[in-house]
Protein backbone atom coordinates (compact mmCIF):
# COMPACT_ATOMS: atom_id res chain seq x y z
CA MET A 1 135.70 197.03 37.98
CA THR A 2 135.58 200.30 38.78
CA ASP A 3 135.67 203.39 36.97
CA THR A 4 138.77 205.06 38.02
CA PRO A 5 140.68 206.24 35.43
CA THR A 6 143.69 204.48 34.27
CA LEU A 7 147.39 206.24 34.50
CA ASP A 8 150.06 206.18 32.66
CA VAL A 9 152.29 207.05 35.20
CA LEU A 10 152.54 205.98 38.71
CA ALA A 11 155.36 206.06 41.44
CA LEU A 12 155.26 205.10 44.07
CA ALA A 13 157.63 206.68 47.78
CA ALA A 14 157.95 206.18 51.39
CA HIS A 15 157.27 209.60 52.27
CA PRO A 16 155.47 212.77 50.78
CA ASP A 17 158.42 214.92 48.92
CA ASP A 18 160.53 211.88 47.51
CA VAL A 19 158.81 211.40 44.95
CA GLU A 20 159.05 215.69 44.20
CA LEU A 21 162.74 215.18 45.62
CA CYS A 22 163.63 212.66 43.24
CA ALA A 23 161.81 212.68 40.18
CA GLY A 24 159.23 215.48 39.74
CA GLY A 25 160.89 217.32 37.14
CA THR A 26 160.50 213.96 35.07
CA VAL A 27 156.74 213.49 36.39
CA CYS A 28 156.28 217.67 35.53
CA LEU A 29 157.79 216.62 32.06
CA LEU A 30 155.20 213.72 31.65
CA VAL A 31 152.05 215.71 32.97
CA GLN A 32 153.39 218.67 30.55
CA GLN A 33 153.21 216.13 27.93
CA GLY A 34 150.02 215.04 27.80
CA TYR A 35 150.42 212.30 30.05
CA ARG A 36 148.19 210.95 33.34
CA VAL A 37 150.65 210.45 36.13
CA GLY A 38 149.83 209.81 39.99
CA ILE A 39 151.56 209.21 43.60
CA VAL A 40 151.25 207.11 45.94
CA ASP A 41 153.01 207.83 49.46
CA PHE A 42 153.00 205.15 51.57
CA THR A 43 153.26 206.76 54.59
CA GLN A 44 152.48 210.80 56.24
CA GLY A 45 155.74 210.83 57.25
CA GLU A 46 154.69 211.14 61.01
CA LEU A 47 158.32 210.11 62.66
CA GLY A 48 159.71 213.38 60.80
CA SER A 49 161.82 215.40 62.50
CA ARG A 50 160.27 218.90 60.88
CA GLY A 51 156.83 219.17 59.91
CA THR A 52 153.38 217.53 60.90
CA PRO A 53 151.57 214.54 59.37
CA ALA A 54 149.09 217.43 58.23
CA LEU A 55 151.26 219.60 57.31
CA ARG A 56 152.45 217.46 55.15
CA ARG A 57 149.01 216.59 53.87
CA GLN A 58 148.96 220.64 53.04
CA GLU A 59 152.30 220.52 51.07
CA ALA A 60 150.92 216.89 49.30
CA ARG A 61 147.85 219.15 48.10
CA ALA A 62 149.93 221.84 47.03
CA ALA A 63 153.02 220.13 45.64
CA SER A 64 150.03 217.91 43.81
CA ALA A 65 148.31 221.24 41.66
CA ILE A 66 152.09 222.86 40.56
CA ILE A 67 152.72 219.20 38.58
CA GLY A 68 149.07 219.02 37.81
CA LEU A 69 148.67 214.77 38.56
CA SER A 70 146.08 213.36 38.05
CA ALA A 71 146.12 211.41 41.44
CA ARG A 72 147.45 211.50 44.51
CA GLU A 73 147.07 208.82 47.66
CA ASN A 74 148.53 208.05 51.61
CA LEU A 75 148.37 204.51 51.95
CA GLY A 76 148.79 205.86 56.00
CA LEU A 77 151.41 202.98 56.66
CA PRO A 78 153.32 203.52 59.80
CA ASP A 79 156.57 205.51 58.97
CA GLY A 80 159.32 203.79 60.01
CA ASP A 81 158.05 199.89 60.29
CA ILE A 82 157.44 199.72 56.28
CA THR A 83 157.39 196.01 56.15
CA ASN A 84 156.66 194.12 53.53
CA THR A 85 153.93 191.81 55.40
CA ARG A 86 150.95 190.42 53.08
CA ALA A 87 148.51 193.42 54.55
CA HIS A 88 151.11 196.14 53.56
CA ARG A 89 151.48 194.07 50.16
CA GLU A 90 147.46 194.21 49.53
CA ARG A 91 147.18 197.75 50.04
CA VAL A 92 149.80 198.44 46.93
CA ILE A 93 147.77 195.67 44.95
CA GLU A 94 144.79 197.29 45.87
CA VAL A 95 146.04 200.54 44.01
CA VAL A 96 148.36 199.32 41.09
CA ARG A 97 144.86 196.87 39.93
CA ARG A 98 142.99 199.93 40.51
CA TYR A 99 145.14 202.34 38.26
CA ARG A 100 147.14 199.80 36.01
CA PRO A 101 149.75 202.21 34.90
CA HIS A 102 152.10 201.19 32.12
CA ILE A 103 154.73 202.48 33.56
CA VAL A 104 155.70 202.32 37.41
CA LEU A 105 158.08 204.80 39.10
CA VAL A 106 159.59 203.27 42.09
CA GLY A 107 162.53 204.62 45.09
CA ALA A 108 166.22 203.29 44.46
CA PRO A 109 166.96 199.48 44.80
CA PRO A 110 167.89 199.00 48.76
CA ASP A 111 171.80 199.09 48.07
CA HIS A 112 171.32 203.06 47.39
CA CYS A 113 169.69 203.83 50.14
CA ARG A 114 170.91 205.91 53.04
CA HIS A 115 167.34 205.35 54.75
CA PRO A 116 165.86 202.20 55.97
CA ASP A 117 162.34 203.13 54.83
CA HIS A 118 163.25 204.09 50.94
CA GLY A 119 164.64 200.84 51.03
CA ALA A 120 162.17 198.86 52.22
CA ALA A 121 159.46 199.99 50.65
CA THR A 122 161.15 199.50 47.36
CA ARG A 123 160.69 195.72 48.78
CA LEU A 124 157.63 196.12 49.35
CA ALA A 125 156.85 197.95 46.34
CA VAL A 126 158.59 195.64 43.87
CA GLU A 127 156.77 192.79 45.28
CA ALA A 128 153.76 193.95 45.00
CA LEU A 129 154.33 195.12 41.68
CA PHE A 130 154.77 191.72 40.51
CA TYR A 131 151.82 189.71 42.61
CA SER A 132 149.65 191.98 41.68
CA GLY A 133 150.00 190.02 38.50
CA LEU A 134 148.43 186.89 40.04
CA ARG A 135 144.80 185.77 39.33
CA ALA A 136 144.92 183.79 42.49
CA ILE A 137 146.09 186.45 44.65
CA GLU A 138 141.90 187.94 45.55
CA THR A 139 141.56 191.91 45.86
CA THR A 140 138.40 194.21 45.73
CA GLY A 141 138.76 197.97 44.77
CA PRO A 142 137.52 200.97 46.87
CA ASP A 143 133.24 199.95 46.45
CA GLY A 144 134.15 196.21 47.04
CA THR A 145 134.35 195.25 42.86
CA PRO A 146 136.81 192.79 42.24
CA GLN A 147 139.56 193.98 41.56
CA GLU A 148 141.51 192.38 37.93
CA PRO A 149 144.81 191.13 37.97
CA TRP A 150 147.20 194.05 36.69
CA ARG A 151 151.16 194.14 36.79
CA PRO A 152 152.78 197.50 35.24
CA HIS A 153 154.83 196.76 31.83
CA HIS A 154 157.70 198.87 32.62
CA VAL A 155 159.11 199.65 36.65
CA LEU A 156 162.42 202.40 36.95
CA HIS A 157 163.95 203.27 39.96
CA TYR A 158 164.55 206.44 40.37
CA MET A 159 167.47 207.52 42.53
CA GLN A 160 168.01 208.83 45.85
CA ALA A 161 170.48 209.23 48.41
CA LEU A 162 172.92 207.03 46.95
CA ASP A 163 174.64 207.86 42.85
CA PHE A 164 174.03 204.65 40.63
CA GLU A 165 174.54 203.35 36.90
CA PRO A 166 171.86 204.59 35.52
CA THR A 167 169.67 203.18 32.38
CA PHE A 168 168.16 206.59 31.31
CA VAL A 169 168.69 210.14 32.21
CA VAL A 170 165.08 211.78 31.55
CA ASP A 171 166.22 215.65 30.22
CA VAL A 172 164.27 217.68 32.39
CA SER A 173 165.66 221.35 31.50
CA ALA A 174 162.37 222.74 29.91
CA VAL A 175 160.49 221.43 33.13
CA TRP A 176 163.33 222.69 36.59
CA GLU A 177 161.62 225.86 37.62
CA GLN A 178 158.01 223.97 38.08
CA ARG A 179 160.42 221.28 39.11
CA MET A 180 161.63 222.91 42.39
CA GLN A 181 158.25 224.85 43.27
CA ALA A 182 156.85 221.55 43.59
CA LEU A 183 159.68 220.14 46.15
CA LEU A 184 159.43 224.10 48.27
CA ALA A 185 156.24 223.52 48.15
CA PHE A 186 157.18 220.83 51.07
CA ARG A 187 158.27 224.34 53.09
CA SER A 188 158.90 221.88 56.47
CA GLN A 189 161.34 219.56 54.91
CA PHE A 190 163.66 221.82 52.73
CA TYR A 191 165.11 224.61 53.04
CA HIS A 192 162.71 227.87 52.47
CA PRO A 193 162.98 231.26 53.97
CA GLY A 194 159.06 231.63 54.51
CA TYR A 195 159.35 229.21 56.48
CA GLU A 196 159.58 229.05 61.01
CA ALA A 197 160.75 226.49 62.63
CA ALA A 198 158.81 225.31 65.86
CA GLU A 199 160.14 225.04 68.56
CA GLY A 200 162.73 222.10 69.05
CA GLU A 201 162.70 221.29 65.44
CA PRO A 202 166.15 220.95 64.44
CA GLU A 203 167.82 221.39 60.87
CA THR A 204 168.23 218.12 59.17
CA PHE A 205 170.20 216.42 56.60
CA ILE A 206 167.45 218.08 54.32
CA SER A 207 166.64 221.19 55.92
CA ASN A 208 170.08 222.59 55.08
CA PRO A 209 170.35 225.24 52.49
CA ALA A 210 173.01 223.46 50.86
CA PHE A 211 171.07 220.43 50.17
CA LEU A 212 169.21 222.79 47.59
CA GLN A 213 172.82 223.37 46.34
CA TRP A 214 173.74 219.00 46.37
CA VAL A 215 169.91 218.84 44.06
CA GLU A 216 171.62 221.21 41.63
CA ALA A 217 174.58 219.89 41.05
CA ARG A 218 174.01 216.13 40.73
CA ALA A 219 170.63 217.43 38.30
CA ARG A 220 173.69 219.37 36.36
CA THR A 221 175.85 216.47 36.44
CA TYR A 222 172.96 213.77 34.59
CA GLY A 223 172.40 216.37 32.81
CA TYR A 224 175.83 217.23 31.73
CA ARG A 225 175.91 213.36 30.40
CA ILE A 226 173.26 214.10 27.89
CA GLY A 227 173.97 217.12 26.80
CA ALA A 228 171.37 218.80 28.73
CA THR A 229 171.55 221.28 31.07
CA TYR A 230 169.41 219.00 34.14
CA GLY A 231 168.83 215.83 33.96
CA GLU A 232 166.88 213.11 36.49
CA PRO A 233 168.51 209.11 36.38
CA PHE A 234 166.63 206.27 35.77
CA LEU A 235 167.73 202.55 36.66
CA TYR A 236 165.41 199.47 34.80
CA ARG A 237 164.74 197.21 36.27
CA HIS A 238 163.79 194.52 34.18
CA GLY A 239 166.77 194.92 31.73
CA PRO A 240 167.15 194.62 28.79
CA VAL A 241 165.04 196.60 27.07
CA GLY A 242 164.26 195.45 24.05
CA VAL A 243 164.63 197.77 21.04
CA SER A 244 162.87 196.76 17.06
CA ASP A 245 163.50 200.20 15.65
CA LEU A 246 167.23 200.53 16.56
CA VAL A 247 167.93 203.94 14.40
CA GLN A 248 164.39 205.76 15.78
CA VAL A 249 165.56 205.01 19.70
CA LEU A 250 169.16 206.59 18.68
CA ALA A 251 167.72 210.00 16.24
CA ARG A 252 168.72 212.30 18.76
CA PRO A 253 172.37 213.08 17.81
CA LYS A 254 175.12 212.56 20.66
CA PRO A 255 175.11 215.99 22.39
CA PHE A 256 179.34 215.35 22.54
CA ARG A 257 182.18 213.59 20.57
């Protein structure tokens, strides 16, 4: 086995900025709480209408520093063609076995995705996470060492463009400003008054100034439902959730009566 430090939480995403957009507050909060968190982006977002792969790599590094990530990698899979092939699954399996996360965050369920890449990335991720636990599938780490099987204990979907009824809503009020700084590190993708668009770069669904207002409005909506200022929703993939101390789980008073 390699000596790569394990992660408590690993987030998987189709594109750089997906995690910052959809679960940025949660990963900031986890890091603040002392957990080791990493992100693996499947593609470089090379089909994006704004920015370049090189620029997006710089932006991802800046966002990672703001969050305080323990690890970030890009698999370099083809943007627009995140196919669920054996080769692609083995790329994901290798990083999962290397980092051995307790919890994995993945994109929204395919039927709750606006962007085809997001649904494709979720399909690839959840199948790879299952197969990662099978001994008959052999992989090696970057140093050529055979890897041991590993399957995360918990998998949660973060919400993307389309809503779903969440299992959990994380109170991210305490890290909201940090979360938005990490998101806006992707200057080419989201509205930023200091970004000078290259010739021919159009306004997109997410670069419109109103999009950031929508991001905040949705976070306020889910936050209100749990009695917080800002909340990020998640869907637990393999329910139900086992409970041994119901009083402890429900120790926090209900915010509204």
